Amino acid sequence: MPSYHLAQLNIAKMKFSLEDPVMTDFINNLDRINQLADTAPGFVWRLITDAGVIDQSNTKFFEDDTLVNMSVWSDIESLHNYVYRTSHAKIMSRRKEWFEHLREAYTVLWWIPAGTIPTILEARQKLDLLRANGPTPDAFTFKKSFAPPDAQHNDCFAEFEDLCPAS
């Protein structure tokens, strides 16, 4: 069993309220895309309530019009495959319809000890760290990622092609 898992946070600033008809396709696809994540190889955890809905209740570290997605994966390859090689990529290719273009980083990855769950505060701190310093072993991106802390060396170990259909 690995000593570390990969945590990820991504945020999106909505152009419209969730009740606006423009957001209907986004809302209607959430359950399907989340189920895809829940059953994807390497998936460990995502930010949801006990009732199984996305937990936006403890996102006080972000603006009210910001949606927060946070999850944990066994490794970076599993998350990368889910994000870019499943129908998640197709729905996110429509991101510009629903969400503002953010000039700063809106996705951050970091390693956590296996068996732990990241907090919203920790995630916000990691995003701020990435925005301030660029990719480092403590907060990084798919484009420049780092090995887990217990790896033999922690230099940049993977540079995934930027395949994001929403960019």
Protein backbone atom coordinates (compact mmCIF):
# COMPACT_ATOMS: atom_id res chain seq x y z
CA MET A 1 0.00 0.00 0.00
CA PRO A 2 1.36 3.44 -0.87
CA SER A 3 2.49 5.75 1.94
CA TYR A 4 1.05 8.80 0.18
CA HIS A 5 -2.05 9.69 -1.79
CA LEU A 6 -2.59 12.61 -4.13
CA ALA A 7 -4.99 15.36 -3.05
CA GLN A 8 -6.45 17.75 -5.57
CA LEU A 9 -8.45 20.94 -5.41
CA ASN A 10 -10.03 22.78 -8.28
CA ILE A 11 -12.23 25.80 -8.10
CA ALA A 12 -14.53 27.50 -10.57
CA LYS A 13 -16.07 30.96 -10.34
CA MET A 14 -19.61 30.75 -11.68
CA LYS A 15 -20.84 33.19 -14.31
CA PHE A 16 -24.43 32.56 -13.18
CA SER A 17 -26.21 31.28 -10.08
CA LEU A 18 -26.84 27.54 -9.91
CA GLU A 19 -30.55 28.28 -10.39
CA ASP A 20 -29.99 30.08 -13.70
CA PRO A 21 -31.17 28.06 -16.74
CA VAL A 22 -27.72 28.48 -18.32
CA MET A 23 -26.35 26.17 -15.59
CA THR A 24 -28.86 23.37 -16.28
CA ASP A 25 -26.55 21.16 -18.35
CA PHE A 26 -23.78 21.52 -15.81
CA ILE A 27 -26.10 20.60 -12.92
CA ASN A 28 -27.70 17.75 -14.87
CA ASN A 29 -24.29 16.16 -15.52
CA LEU A 30 -22.90 16.40 -11.97
CA ASP A 31 -24.23 13.05 -10.72
CA ARG A 32 -22.98 11.21 -13.80
CA ILE A 33 -19.51 12.76 -13.68
CA ASN A 34 -19.21 12.27 -9.91
CA GLN A 35 -20.27 8.61 -10.24
CA LEU A 36 -17.61 8.23 -12.91
CA ALA A 37 -15.03 9.59 -10.46
CA ASP A 38 -16.29 7.43 -7.60
CA THR A 39 -15.78 4.27 -9.67
CA ALA A 40 -12.57 5.30 -11.45
CA PRO A 41 -9.40 3.29 -10.81
CA GLY A 42 -7.35 4.99 -8.09
CA PHE A 43 -10.20 7.05 -6.63
CA VAL A 44 -10.04 7.32 -2.82
CA TRP A 45 -12.33 10.16 -1.62
CA ARG A 46 -14.13 13.33 -2.64
CA LEU A 47 -15.71 16.22 -0.78
CA ILE A 48 -19.32 15.13 -0.27
CA THR A 49 -21.74 15.07 2.63
CA ASP A 50 -23.03 11.91 4.31
CA ALA A 51 -26.11 12.26 2.09
CA GLY A 52 -23.87 11.91 -0.98
CA VAL A 53 -24.11 15.45 -2.30
CA ILE A 54 -21.25 17.81 -2.97
CA ASP A 55 -20.36 19.55 0.28
CA GLN A 56 -20.17 23.30 -0.38
CA SER A 57 -21.03 24.12 3.25
CA ASN A 58 -17.47 24.52 4.50
CA THR A 59 -15.99 26.56 1.70
CA LYS A 60 -15.68 29.82 3.60
CA PHE A 61 -12.12 30.23 2.36
CA PHE A 62 -13.50 31.00 -1.11
CA GLU A 63 -15.94 33.55 -2.52
CA ASP A 64 -19.66 32.70 -2.51
CA ASP A 65 -19.79 32.32 -6.31
CA THR A 66 -16.94 29.79 -6.31
CA LEU A 67 -17.58 26.07 -6.65
CA VAL A 68 -15.06 23.84 -4.90
CA ASN A 69 -14.11 20.32 -5.93
CA MET A 70 -11.66 18.37 -3.80
CA SER A 71 -10.69 14.71 -4.02
CA VAL A 72 -7.99 12.19 -3.14
CA TRP A 73 -6.47 9.64 -5.52
CA SER A 74 -4.01 6.79 -5.12
CA ASP A 75 -1.58 8.35 -7.61
CA ILE A 76 -1.26 11.12 -10.16
CA GLU A 77 -1.74 8.83 -13.16
CA SER A 78 -5.17 7.72 -11.92
CA LEU A 79 -6.35 11.30 -11.49
CA HIS A 80 -4.89 12.29 -14.86
CA ASN A 81 -6.68 9.41 -16.59
CA TYR A 82 -10.01 10.37 -15.00
CA VAL A 83 -9.68 14.08 -15.80
CA TYR A 84 -8.46 13.77 -19.40
CA ARG A 85 -9.42 10.32 -20.68
CA THR A 86 -13.05 9.92 -19.60
CA SER A 87 -16.27 11.77 -20.35
CA HIS A 88 -15.21 14.24 -17.65
CA ALA A 89 -13.04 15.90 -20.32
CA LYS A 90 -15.99 16.27 -22.68
CA ILE A 91 -18.22 18.03 -20.15
CA MET A 92 -15.33 20.22 -18.96
CA SER A 93 -14.68 21.29 -22.55
CA ARG A 94 -17.82 23.39 -21.95
CA ARG A 95 -16.36 25.07 -18.84
CA LYS A 96 -16.31 28.50 -20.54
CA GLU A 97 -20.12 28.43 -20.81
CA TRP A 98 -20.56 28.26 -17.04
CA PHE A 99 -17.43 29.60 -15.38
CA GLU A 100 -15.26 32.70 -15.51
CA HIS A 101 -11.75 32.45 -16.91
CA LEU A 102 -9.40 32.63 -13.93
CA ARG A 103 -6.00 34.17 -14.60
CA GLU A 104 -4.50 32.54 -11.51
CA ALA A 105 -4.13 28.82 -10.93
CA TYR A 106 -7.44 27.13 -10.14
CA THR A 107 -6.19 23.57 -9.73
CA VAL A 108 -3.56 22.37 -7.27
CA LEU A 109 -2.19 18.93 -6.44
CA TRP A 110 -0.26 17.83 -3.33
CA TRP A 111 0.72 14.65 -1.50
CA ILE A 112 -0.92 13.64 1.78
CA PRO A 113 -0.22 10.64 4.03
CA ALA A 114 -2.38 7.69 2.91
CA GLY A 115 -5.46 7.39 5.08
CA THR A 116 -5.81 11.10 5.78
CA ILE A 117 -8.36 13.54 4.37
CA PRO A 118 -7.38 17.09 3.42
CA THR A 119 -9.25 20.05 4.84
CA ILE A 120 -10.65 23.00 2.92
CA LEU A 121 -8.22 25.28 4.78
CA GLU A 122 -5.28 23.07 3.77
CA ALA A 123 -6.49 23.07 0.17
CA ARG A 124 -6.78 26.87 0.12
CA GLN A 125 -3.27 27.17 1.55
CA LYS A 126 -1.92 24.84 -1.15
CA LEU A 127 -3.62 26.86 -3.88
CA ASP A 128 -2.18 30.08 -2.43
CA LEU A 129 1.27 28.46 -2.25
CA LEU A 130 1.07 27.41 -5.90
CA ARG A 131 -0.08 30.88 -6.93
CA ALA A 132 2.76 32.53 -4.99
CA ASN A 133 5.64 30.19 -5.87
CA GLY A 134 4.65 28.17 -8.92
CA PRO A 135 4.93 24.37 -8.85
CA THR A 136 6.98 22.98 -5.96
CA PRO A 137 6.96 19.58 -4.21
CA ASP A 138 4.43 21.07 -1.74
CA ALA A 139 1.89 22.32 -4.32
CA PHE A 140 2.03 21.47 -8.01
CA THR A 141 0.16 20.90 -11.26
CA PHE A 142 -0.22 18.17 -13.85
CA LYS A 143 2.10 20.08 -16.14
CA LYS A 144 4.86 20.05 -13.52
CA SER A 145 4.32 17.41 -10.86
CA PHE A 146 6.52 15.92 -8.16
CA ALA A 147 7.04 12.49 -6.66
CA PRO A 148 5.62 11.64 -3.23
CA PRO A 149 7.81 12.67 -0.26
CA ASP A 150 9.00 9.11 0.34
CA ALA A 151 10.31 8.69 -3.21
CA GLN A 152 14.05 8.26 -3.66
CA HIS A 153 14.28 11.73 -5.17
CA ASN A 154 11.66 14.42 -5.26
CA ASP A 155 12.60 16.28 -8.41
CA CYS A 156 9.94 17.08 -10.96
CA PHE A 157 9.07 13.59 -12.15
CA ALA A 158 6.27 14.04 -14.63
CA GLU A 159 5.23 16.64 -17.08
CA PHE A 160 1.87 15.74 -18.53
CA GLU A 161 0.97 17.40 -21.79
CA ASP A 162 -1.53 20.19 -21.15
CA LEU A 163 -4.59 18.46 -22.54
CA CYS A 164 -7.19 20.53 -20.75
CA PRO A 165 -10.10 21.12 -23.13
CA ALA A 166 -11.22 24.04 -20.98
CA SER A 167 -8.00 26.06 -21.35
